[in-house]
C-alpha atoms as a PDB file:
ATOM      1  CA  MET A   1     -12.233   9.979  12.063  1.00  0.00           C
ATOM      2  CA  PRO A   2      -9.805   7.440  10.578  1.00  0.00           C
ATOM      3  CA  ARG A   3      -8.232   4.761  12.780  1.00  0.00           C
ATOM      4  CA  TYR A   4      -4.540   3.955  12.367  1.00  0.00           C
ATOM      5  CA  GLU A   5      -2.824   0.792  13.555  1.00  0.00           C
ATOM      6  CA  TYR A   6       0.610   1.023  15.240  1.00  0.00           C
ATOM      7  CA  ARG A   7       3.054  -1.518  16.623  1.00  0.00           C
ATOM      8  CA  CYS A   8       5.458  -0.868  19.562  1.00  0.00           C
ATOM      9  CA  ARG A   9       9.005  -1.979  18.725  1.00  0.00           C
ATOM     10  CA  THR A  10       9.849  -2.156  22.356  1.00  0.00           C
ATOM     11  CA  CYS A  11       7.127  -4.406  23.714  1.00  0.00           C
ATOM     12  CA  GLY A  12       5.571  -5.695  20.416  1.00  0.00           C
ATOM     13  CA  ASP A  13       2.007  -4.482  21.420  1.00  0.00           C
ATOM     14  CA  THR A  14      -0.195  -3.628  18.498  1.00  0.00           C
ATOM     15  CA  PHE A  15      -2.762  -0.771  19.050  1.00  0.00           C
ATOM     16  CA  GLU A  16      -5.050   1.550  17.199  1.00  0.00           C
ATOM     17  CA  LEU A  17      -5.525   5.275  17.441  1.00  0.00           C
ATOM     18  CA  SER A  18      -8.303   7.475  16.053  1.00  0.00           C
ATOM     19  CA  ARG A  19      -6.854  10.693  14.781  1.00  0.00           C
ATOM     20  CA  PRO A  20      -7.310  13.267  11.971  1.00  0.00           C
ATOM     21  CA  MET A  21      -5.583  12.528   8.673  1.00  0.00           C
ATOM     22  CA  ALA A  22      -3.498  15.599   9.242  1.00  0.00           C
ATOM     23  CA  ASP A  23      -1.908  13.838  12.255  1.00  0.00           C
ATOM     24  CA  SER A  24      -1.485  10.379  10.639  1.00  0.00           C
ATOM     25  CA  SER A  25       2.231  10.523  10.486  1.00  0.00           C
ATOM     26  CA  ALA A  26       2.725  12.157  13.985  1.00  0.00           C
ATOM     27  CA  PRO A  27       4.550   9.999  16.555  1.00  0.00           C
ATOM     28  CA  ALA A  28       2.324   7.732  18.670  1.00  0.00           C
ATOM     29  CA  ASP A  29       3.253   6.239  22.062  1.00  0.00           C
ATOM     30  CA  CYS A  30       2.091   2.755  22.868  1.00  0.00           C
ATOM     31  CA  PRO A  31      -0.422   2.295  25.781  1.00  0.00           C
ATOM     32  CA  VAL A  32       2.412   1.194  28.058  1.00  0.00           C
ATOM     33  CA  GLY A  33       4.311   4.510  27.368  1.00  0.00           C
ATOM     34  CA  HIS A  34       7.059   3.408  24.900  1.00  0.00           C
ATOM     35  CA  SER A  35       7.784   5.859  22.199  1.00  0.00           C
ATOM     36  CA  ASP A  36       9.475   3.614  19.627  1.00  0.00           C
ATOM     37  CA  THR A  37       6.413   2.787  17.399  1.00  0.00           C
ATOM     38  CA  VAL A  38       5.776   2.242  13.811  1.00  0.00           C
ATOM     39  CA  LYS A  39       2.500   2.807  11.767  1.00  0.00           C
ATOM     40  CA  LEU A  40       1.325  -0.308  10.094  1.00  0.00           C
ATOM     41  CA  LEU A  41      -0.140  -0.426   6.649  1.00  0.00           C
ATOM     42  CA  SER A  42      -3.866  -1.354   6.730  1.00  0.00           C
ATOM     43  CA  THR A  43      -5.863  -3.068   4.096  1.00  0.00           C
ATOM     44  CA  VAL A  44      -9.119  -1.486   3.001  1.00  0.00           C
ATOM     45  CA  ALA A  45     -12.147  -3.669   2.394  1.00  0.00           C
ATOM     46  CA  VAL A  46     -14.140  -2.685  -0.758  1.00  0.00           C
ATOM     47  CA  GLY A  47     -17.508  -4.114  -1.404  1.00  0.00           C
ATOM     48  CA  GLY A  48     -18.393  -6.042  -4.558  1.00  0.00           C
ATOM     49  CA  SER A  49     -16.205  -8.114  -6.782  1.00  0.00           C
ATOM     50  CA  SER A  50     -14.326  -7.648  -9.928  1.00  0.00           C
ATOM     51  CA  ALA A  51     -16.371 -10.319 -11.678  1.00  0.00           C
ATOM     52  CA  ALA A  52     -19.507  -8.322 -11.101  1.00  0.00           C
ATOM     53  CA  SER A  53     -18.234  -5.309 -12.915  1.00  0.00           C
ATOM     54  CA  ALA A  54     -16.772  -7.087 -15.967  1.00  0.00           C
ATOM     55  CA  PRO A  55     -19.055  -8.024 -18.781  1.00  0.00           C
ATOM     56  CA  ALA A  56     -19.986 -11.621 -19.273  1.00  0.00           C
ATOM     57  CA  PRO A  57     -18.368 -13.394 -22.228  1.00  0.00           C
ATOM     58  CA  ARG A  58     -20.721 -13.714 -25.127  1.00  0.00           C
ATOM     59  CA  ALA A  59     -21.667 -17.140 -26.490  1.00  0.00           C
ATOM     60  CA  GLY A  60     -19.928 -18.086 -29.703  1.00  0.00           C
ATOM     61  CA  GLY A  61     -16.940 -15.736 -28.835  1.00  0.00           C
ATOM     62  CA  GLY A  62     -18.278 -12.640 -30.654  1.00  0.00           C
ATOM     63  CA  GLY A  63     -15.880  -9.780 -31.102  1.00  0.00           C
ATOM     64  CA  GLY A  64     -17.492  -7.163 -28.879  1.00  0.00           C
ATOM     65  CA  GLY A  65     -15.757  -3.853 -29.540  1.00  0.00           C
ATOM     66  CA  CYS A  66     -17.574  -0.551 -30.193  1.00  0.00           C
ATOM     67  CA  CYS A  67     -20.726  -2.200 -31.789  1.00  0.00           C
ATOM     68  CA  GLY A  68     -20.975  -5.376 -29.823  1.00  0.00           C
ATOM     69  CA  GLY A  69     -19.804  -7.616 -32.667  1.00  0.00           C
ATOM     70  CA  GLY A  70     -23.049  -7.304 -34.672  1.00  0.00           C
ATOM     71  CA  CYS A  71     -21.934  -4.994 -37.540  1.00  0.00           C
ATOM     72  CA  CYS A  72     -18.110  -4.964 -37.359  1.00  0.00           C
ATOM     73  CA  GLY A  73     -17.579  -7.886 -39.345  1.00  0.00           C
END
């Protein structure tokens, strides 16, 4: 079940709730009982790096393209 992070506008407390995605935009009371809360945007960690998925440049600056630079002139 996804976890969502909220911040209470009254007391400034930040807290998390586990709830179904269908309830992600439903109001959430802070642990102290205040109802003026806002859902925070969370960052998602993704494994790997962009450099690992990009092809390495070829020595001599070959053109690449559909045939790898060998027959495309």
